[in-house]
PDB file of N, CA and C in Angstrom:
ATOM      1  N   MET A   1     107.678  -4.058-162.219  1.00  0.00           N
ATOM      2  CA  MET A   1     107.214  -2.695-162.510  1.00  0.00           C
ATOM      3  C   MET A   1     106.090  -2.620-163.492  1.00  0.00           C
ATOM      4  N   ASP A   2     105.943  -3.704-164.303  1.00  0.00           N
ATOM      5  CA  ASP A   2     104.919  -3.632-165.344  1.00  0.00           C
ATOM      6  C   ASP A   2     103.500  -3.648-164.730  1.00  0.00           C
ATOM      7  N   GLY A   3     103.285  -4.274-163.586  1.00  0.00           N
ATOM      8  CA  GLY A   3     101.994  -4.366-163.049  1.00  0.00           C
ATOM      9  C   GLY A   3     101.558  -3.222-162.193  1.00  0.00           C
ATOM     10  N   LYS A   4     102.462  -2.252-162.006  1.00  0.00           N
ATOM     11  CA  LYS A   4     102.119  -1.118-161.156  1.00  0.00           C
ATOM     12  C   LYS A   4     100.986  -0.225-161.613  1.00  0.00           C
ATOM     13  N   PRO A   5     100.877   0.171-162.841  1.00  0.00           N
ATOM     14  CA  PRO A   5      99.729   1.076-163.266  1.00  0.00           C
ATOM     15  C   PRO A   5      98.408   0.289-163.153  1.00  0.00           C
ATOM     16  N   TYR A   6      98.420  -1.045-163.488  1.00  0.00           N
ATOM     17  CA  TYR A   6      97.174  -1.870-163.416  1.00  0.00           C
ATOM     18  C   TYR A   6      96.755  -1.920-161.976  1.00  0.00           C
ATOM     19  N   ALA A   7      97.724  -2.105-161.021  1.00  0.00           N
ATOM     20  CA  ALA A   7      97.404  -2.234-159.646  1.00  0.00           C
ATOM     21  C   ALA A   7      96.787  -0.847-159.092  1.00  0.00           C
ATOM     22  N   ALA A   8      97.450   0.236-159.561  1.00  0.00           N
ATOM     23  CA  ALA A   8      96.920   1.478-159.198  1.00  0.00           C
ATOM     24  C   ALA A   8      95.530   1.778-159.657  1.00  0.00           C
ATOM     25  N   ALA A   9      95.270   1.376-160.900  1.00  0.00           N
ATOM     26  CA  ALA A   9      93.907   1.540-161.455  1.00  0.00           C
ATOM     27  C   ALA A   9      92.921   0.698-160.717  1.00  0.00           C
ATOM     28  N   LEU A  10      93.370  -0.517-160.344  1.00  0.00           N
ATOM     29  CA  LEU A  10      92.490  -1.435-159.630  1.00  0.00           C
ATOM     30  C   LEU A  10      92.118  -0.815-158.273  1.00  0.00           C
ATOM     31  N   THR A  11      93.110  -0.275-157.514  1.00  0.00           N
ATOM     32  CA  THR A  11      92.764   0.251-156.247  1.00  0.00           C
ATOM     33  C   THR A  11      91.956   1.492-156.457  1.00  0.00           C
ATOM     34  N   ASN A  12      92.102   2.242-157.424  1.00  0.00           N
ATOM     35  CA  ASN A  12      91.212   3.438-157.633  1.00  0.00           C
ATOM     36  C   ASN A  12      89.739   2.927-157.900  1.00  0.00           C
ATOM     37  N   ILE A  13      89.619   1.909-158.698  1.00  0.00           N
ATOM     38  CA  ILE A  13      88.313   1.330-158.933  1.00  0.00           C
ATOM     39  C   ILE A  13      87.689   0.806-157.623  1.00  0.00           C
ATOM     40  N   GLN A  14      88.492   0.128-156.825  1.00  0.00           N
ATOM     41  CA  GLN A  14      87.942  -0.432-155.571  1.00  0.00           C
ATOM     42  C   GLN A  14      87.595   0.693-154.635  1.00  0.00           C
ATOM     43  N   ARG A  15      88.435   1.734-154.639  1.00  0.00           N
ATOM     44  CA  ARG A  15      88.079   2.890-153.758  1.00  0.00           C
ATOM     45  C   ARG A  15      86.789   3.545-154.236  1.00  0.00           C
ATOM     46  N   PHE A  16      86.652   3.735-155.455  1.00  0.00           N
ATOM     47  CA  PHE A  16      85.443   4.306-156.010  1.00  0.00           C
ATOM     48  C   PHE A  16      84.199   3.461-155.635  1.00  0.00           C
ATOM     49  N   ALA A  17      84.347   2.073-155.784  1.00  0.00           N
ATOM     50  CA  ALA A  17      83.267   1.207-155.508  1.00  0.00           C
ATOM     51  C   ALA A  17      82.872   1.241-154.014  1.00  0.00           C
ATOM     52  N   ALA A  18      83.926   1.390-153.199  1.00  0.00           N
ATOM     53  CA  ALA A  18      83.673   1.475-151.728  1.00  0.00           C
ATOM     54  C   ALA A  18      82.918   2.757-151.426  1.00  0.00           C
ATOM     55  N   ALA A  19      83.338   3.885-152.050  1.00  0.00           N
ATOM     56  CA  ALA A  19      82.667   5.125-151.864  1.00  0.00           C
ATOM     57  C   ALA A  19      81.218   5.097-152.283  1.00  0.00           C
ATOM     58  N   GLN A  20      80.978   4.451-153.448  1.00  0.00           N
ATOM     59  CA  GLN A  20      79.618   4.327-153.910  1.00  0.00           C
ATOM     60  C   GLN A  20      78.746   3.482-152.970  1.00  0.00           C
ATOM     61  N   ALA A  21      79.346   2.376-152.442  1.00  0.00           N
ATOM     62  CA  ALA A  21      78.621   1.528-151.532  1.00  0.00           C
ATOM     63  C   ALA A  21      78.322   2.286-150.271  1.00  0.00           C
ATOM     64  N   ARG A  22      79.282   3.047-149.796  1.00  0.00           N
ATOM     65  CA  ARG A  22      79.112   3.770-148.521  1.00  0.00           C
ATOM     66  C   ARG A  22      77.994   4.790-148.693  1.00  0.00           C
ATOM     67  N   TYR A  23      78.062   5.508-149.876  1.00  0.00           N
ATOM     68  CA  TYR A  23      76.937   6.520-150.132  1.00  0.00           C
ATOM     69  C   TYR A  23      75.629   5.906-150.228  1.00  0.00           C
ATOM     70  N   TYR A  24      75.514   4.708-150.899  1.00  0.00           N
ATOM     71  CA  TYR A  24      74.249   4.025-151.054  1.00  0.00           C
ATOM     72  C   TYR A  24      73.662   3.569-149.663  1.00  0.00           C
ATOM     73  N   LEU A  25      74.593   3.062-148.788  1.00  0.00           N
ATOM     74  CA  LEU A  25      74.181   2.619-147.506  1.00  0.00           C
ATOM     75  C   LEU A  25      73.708   3.752-146.693  1.00  0.00           C
ATOM     76  N   SER A  26      74.437   4.918-146.769  1.00  0.00           N
ATOM     77  CA  SER A  26      74.065   6.071-145.873  1.00  0.00           C
ATOM     78  C   SER A  26      72.740   6.642-146.417  1.00  0.00           C
ATOM     79  N   ALA A  27      72.571   6.630-147.756  1.00  0.00           N
ATOM     80  CA  ALA A  27      71.307   7.178-148.354  1.00  0.00           C
ATOM     81  C   ALA A  27      70.115   6.316-147.863  1.00  0.00           C
ATOM     82  N   THR A  28      70.195   4.949-147.918  1.00  0.00           N
ATOM     83  CA  THR A  28      69.130   4.133-147.480  1.00  0.00           C
ATOM     84  C   THR A  28      68.868   4.300-146.001  1.00  0.00           C
ATOM     85  N   PHE A  29      69.970   4.452-145.214  1.00  0.00           N
ATOM     86  CA  PHE A  29      69.838   4.631-143.766  1.00  0.00           C
ATOM     87  C   PHE A  29      69.067   5.911-143.461  1.00  0.00           C
ATOM     88  N   ILE A  30      69.436   7.013-144.192  1.00  0.00           N
ATOM     89  CA  ILE A  30      68.704   8.266-143.951  1.00  0.00           C
ATOM     90  C   ILE A  30      67.312   8.168-144.351  1.00  0.00           C
ATOM     91  N   ILE A  31      66.998   7.505-145.449  1.00  0.00           N
ATOM     92  CA  ILE A  31      65.587   7.346-145.892  1.00  0.00           C
ATOM     93  C   ILE A  31      64.789   6.537-144.869  1.00  0.00           C
ATOM     94  N   SER A  32      65.389   5.437-144.391  1.00  0.00           N
ATOM     95  CA  SER A  32      64.627   4.579-143.429  1.00  0.00           C
ATOM     96  C   SER A  32      64.501   5.332-142.165  1.00  0.00           C
ATOM     97  N   TYR A  33      65.444   6.056-141.673  1.00  0.00           N
ATOM     98  CA  TYR A  33      65.407   6.796-140.430  1.00  0.00           C
ATOM     99  C   TYR A  33      64.304   7.898-140.568  1.00  0.00           C
ATOM    100  N   TYR A  34      64.279   8.625-141.705  1.00  0.00           N
ATOM    101  CA  TYR A  34      63.269   9.662-141.902  1.00  0.00           C
ATOM    102  C   TYR A  34      61.904   8.992-141.970  1.00  0.00           C
ATOM    103  N   TYR A  35      61.727   7.877-142.561  1.00  0.00           N
ATOM    104  CA  TYR A  35      60.518   7.194-142.720  1.00  0.00           C
ATOM    105  C   TYR A  35      60.026   6.746-141.288  1.00  0.00           C
ATOM    106  N   ASP A  36      60.935   6.217-140.512  1.00  0.00           N
ATOM    107  CA  ASP A  36      60.591   5.787-139.142  1.00  0.00           C
ATOM    108  C   ASP A  36      60.178   6.985-138.282  1.00  0.00           C
ATOM    109  N   SER A  37      60.849   8.096-138.429  1.00  0.00           N
ATOM    110  CA  SER A  37      60.522   9.247-137.598  1.00  0.00           C
ATOM    111  C   SER A  37      59.143   9.781-138.083  1.00  0.00           C
ATOM    112  N   CYS A  38      58.822   9.704-139.388  1.00  0.00           N
ATOM    113  CA  CYS A  38      57.529  10.140-139.848  1.00  0.00           C
ATOM    114  C   CYS A  38      56.422   9.283-139.268  1.00  0.00           C
ATOM    115  N   MET A  39      56.688   7.901-139.263  1.00  0.00           N
ATOM    116  CA  MET A  39      55.687   6.969-138.804  1.00  0.00           C
ATOM    117  C   MET A  39      55.498   7.201-137.300  1.00  0.00           C
ATOM    118  N   ASN A  40      56.626   7.474-136.575  1.00  0.00           N
ATOM    119  CA  ASN A  40      56.458   7.662-135.151  1.00  0.00           C
ATOM    120  C   ASN A  40      55.637   8.995-134.942  1.00  0.00           C
ATOM    121  N   LYS A  41      55.742   9.992-135.761  1.00  0.00           N
ATOM    122  CA  LYS A  41      54.993  11.180-135.588  1.00  0.00           C
ATOM    123  C   LYS A  41      53.481  10.875-135.882  1.00  0.00           C
ATOM    124  N   LEU A  42      53.281  10.049-136.885  1.00  0.00           N
ATOM    125  CA  LEU A  42      51.898   9.683-137.222  1.00  0.00           C
ATOM    126  C   LEU A  42      51.272   8.921-136.103  1.00  0.00           C
ATOM    127  N   GLU A  43      52.068   8.009-135.516  1.00  0.00           N
ATOM    128  CA  GLU A  43      51.555   7.247-134.368  1.00  0.00           C
ATOM    129  C   GLU A  43      51.234   8.194-133.184  1.00  0.00           C
ATOM    130  N   ILE A  44      52.078   9.106-132.932  1.00  0.00           N
ATOM    131  CA  ILE A  44      51.892  10.057-131.815  1.00  0.00           C
ATOM    132  C   ILE A  44      50.570  10.859-132.091  1.00  0.00           C
ATOM    133  N   ILE A  45      50.535  11.354-133.348  1.00  0.00           N
ATOM    134  CA  ILE A  45      49.270  12.185-133.643  1.00  0.00           C
ATOM    135  C   ILE A  45      48.080  11.315-133.555  1.00  0.00           C
ATOM    136  N   ARG A  46      48.138  10.052-133.929  1.00  0.00           N
ATOM    137  CA  ARG A  46      46.917   9.216-133.906  1.00  0.00           C
ATOM    138  C   ARG A  46      46.567   8.882-132.465  1.00  0.00           C
ATOM    139  N   ASP A  47      47.496   8.857-131.549  1.00  0.00           N
ATOM    140  CA  ASP A  47      47.225   8.454-130.182  1.00  0.00           C
ATOM    141  C   ASP A  47      46.681   9.618-129.324  1.00  0.00           C
ATOM    142  N   ILE A  48      46.686  10.772-129.862  1.00  0.00           N
ATOM    143  CA  ILE A  48      46.144  11.918-129.057  1.00  0.00           C
ATOM    144  C   ILE A  48      44.643  11.748-128.863  1.00  0.00           C
ATOM    145  N   PRO A  49      44.091  11.824-127.752  1.00  0.00           N
ATOM    146  CA  PRO A  49      42.667  11.591-127.539  1.00  0.00           C
ATOM    147  C   PRO A  49      41.863  12.669-128.237  1.00  0.00           C
ATOM    148  N   ASN A  50      40.736  12.318-128.783  1.00  0.00           N
ATOM    149  CA  ASN A  50      39.870  13.207-129.515  1.00  0.00           C
ATOM    150  C   ASN A  50      38.992  14.009-128.491  1.00  0.00           C
ATOM    151  N   PRO A  51      38.954  15.352-128.583  1.00  0.00           N
ATOM    152  CA  PRO A  51      38.135  16.137-127.613  1.00  0.00           C
ATOM    153  C   PRO A  51      36.646  15.805-127.684  1.00  0.00           C
ATOM    154  N   ARG A  52      36.200  15.494-128.928  1.00  0.00           N
ATOM    155  CA  ARG A  52      34.763  15.237-129.078  1.00  0.00           C
ATOM    156  C   ARG A  52      34.386  13.891-128.703  1.00  0.00           C
ATOM    157  N   GLY A  53      35.392  12.986-128.577  1.00  0.00           N
ATOM    158  CA  GLY A  53      35.088  11.598-128.268  1.00  0.00           C
ATOM    159  C   GLY A  53      34.578  10.811-129.379  1.00  0.00           C
ATOM    160  N   LEU A  54      34.778  11.305-130.611  1.00  0.00           N
ATOM    161  CA  LEU A  54      34.362  10.534-131.774  1.00  0.00           C
ATOM    162  C   LEU A  54      35.501   9.787-132.404  1.00  0.00           C
ATOM    163  N   GLY A  55      35.189   8.800-133.220  1.00  0.00           N
ATOM    164  CA  GLY A  55      36.229   8.137-133.931  1.00  0.00           C
ATOM    165  C   GLY A  55      36.717   8.899-135.131  1.00  0.00           C
ATOM    166  N   LEU A  56      37.820   8.570-135.714  1.00  0.00           N
ATOM    167  CA  LEU A  56      38.310   9.322-136.839  1.00  0.00           C
ATOM    168  C   LEU A  56      37.359   9.231-138.062  1.00  0.00           C
ATOM    169  N   GLU A  57      36.796   8.029-138.205  1.00  0.00           N
ATOM    170  CA  GLU A  57      35.925   7.834-139.368  1.00  0.00           C
ATOM    171  C   GLU A  57      34.675   8.654-139.244  1.00  0.00           C
ATOM    172  N   GLN A  58      34.255   8.997-137.972  1.00  0.00           N
ATOM    173  CA  GLN A  58      33.009   9.767-137.798  1.00  0.00           C
ATOM    174  C   GLN A  58      33.357  11.279-137.944  1.00  0.00           C
ATOM    175  N   GLN A  59      34.583  11.608-137.623  1.00  0.00           N
ATOM    176  CA  GLN A  59      34.993  13.051-137.816  1.00  0.00           C
ATOM    177  C   GLN A  59      35.000  13.357-139.277  1.00  0.00           C
ATOM    178  N   LEU A  60      35.458  12.542-140.215  1.00  0.00           N
ATOM    179  CA  LEU A  60      35.536  12.812-141.626  1.00  0.00           C
ATOM    180  C   LEU A  60      34.110  12.968-142.132  1.00  0.00           C
TER     181      LEU A  60
END
């Protein structure tokens, strides 16, 4: 019975660490997914043909 509070505290710490790890992984996944979707939009915008037929550097 003496080890019960210690074991309970350890499981709480483990649970907290698992929650932190899950939050960190989900945050990095959301950031990478958002970055990928932004890059895909940029690729799509860049691939639209230019009505004037000029390059992007000549348009600027």
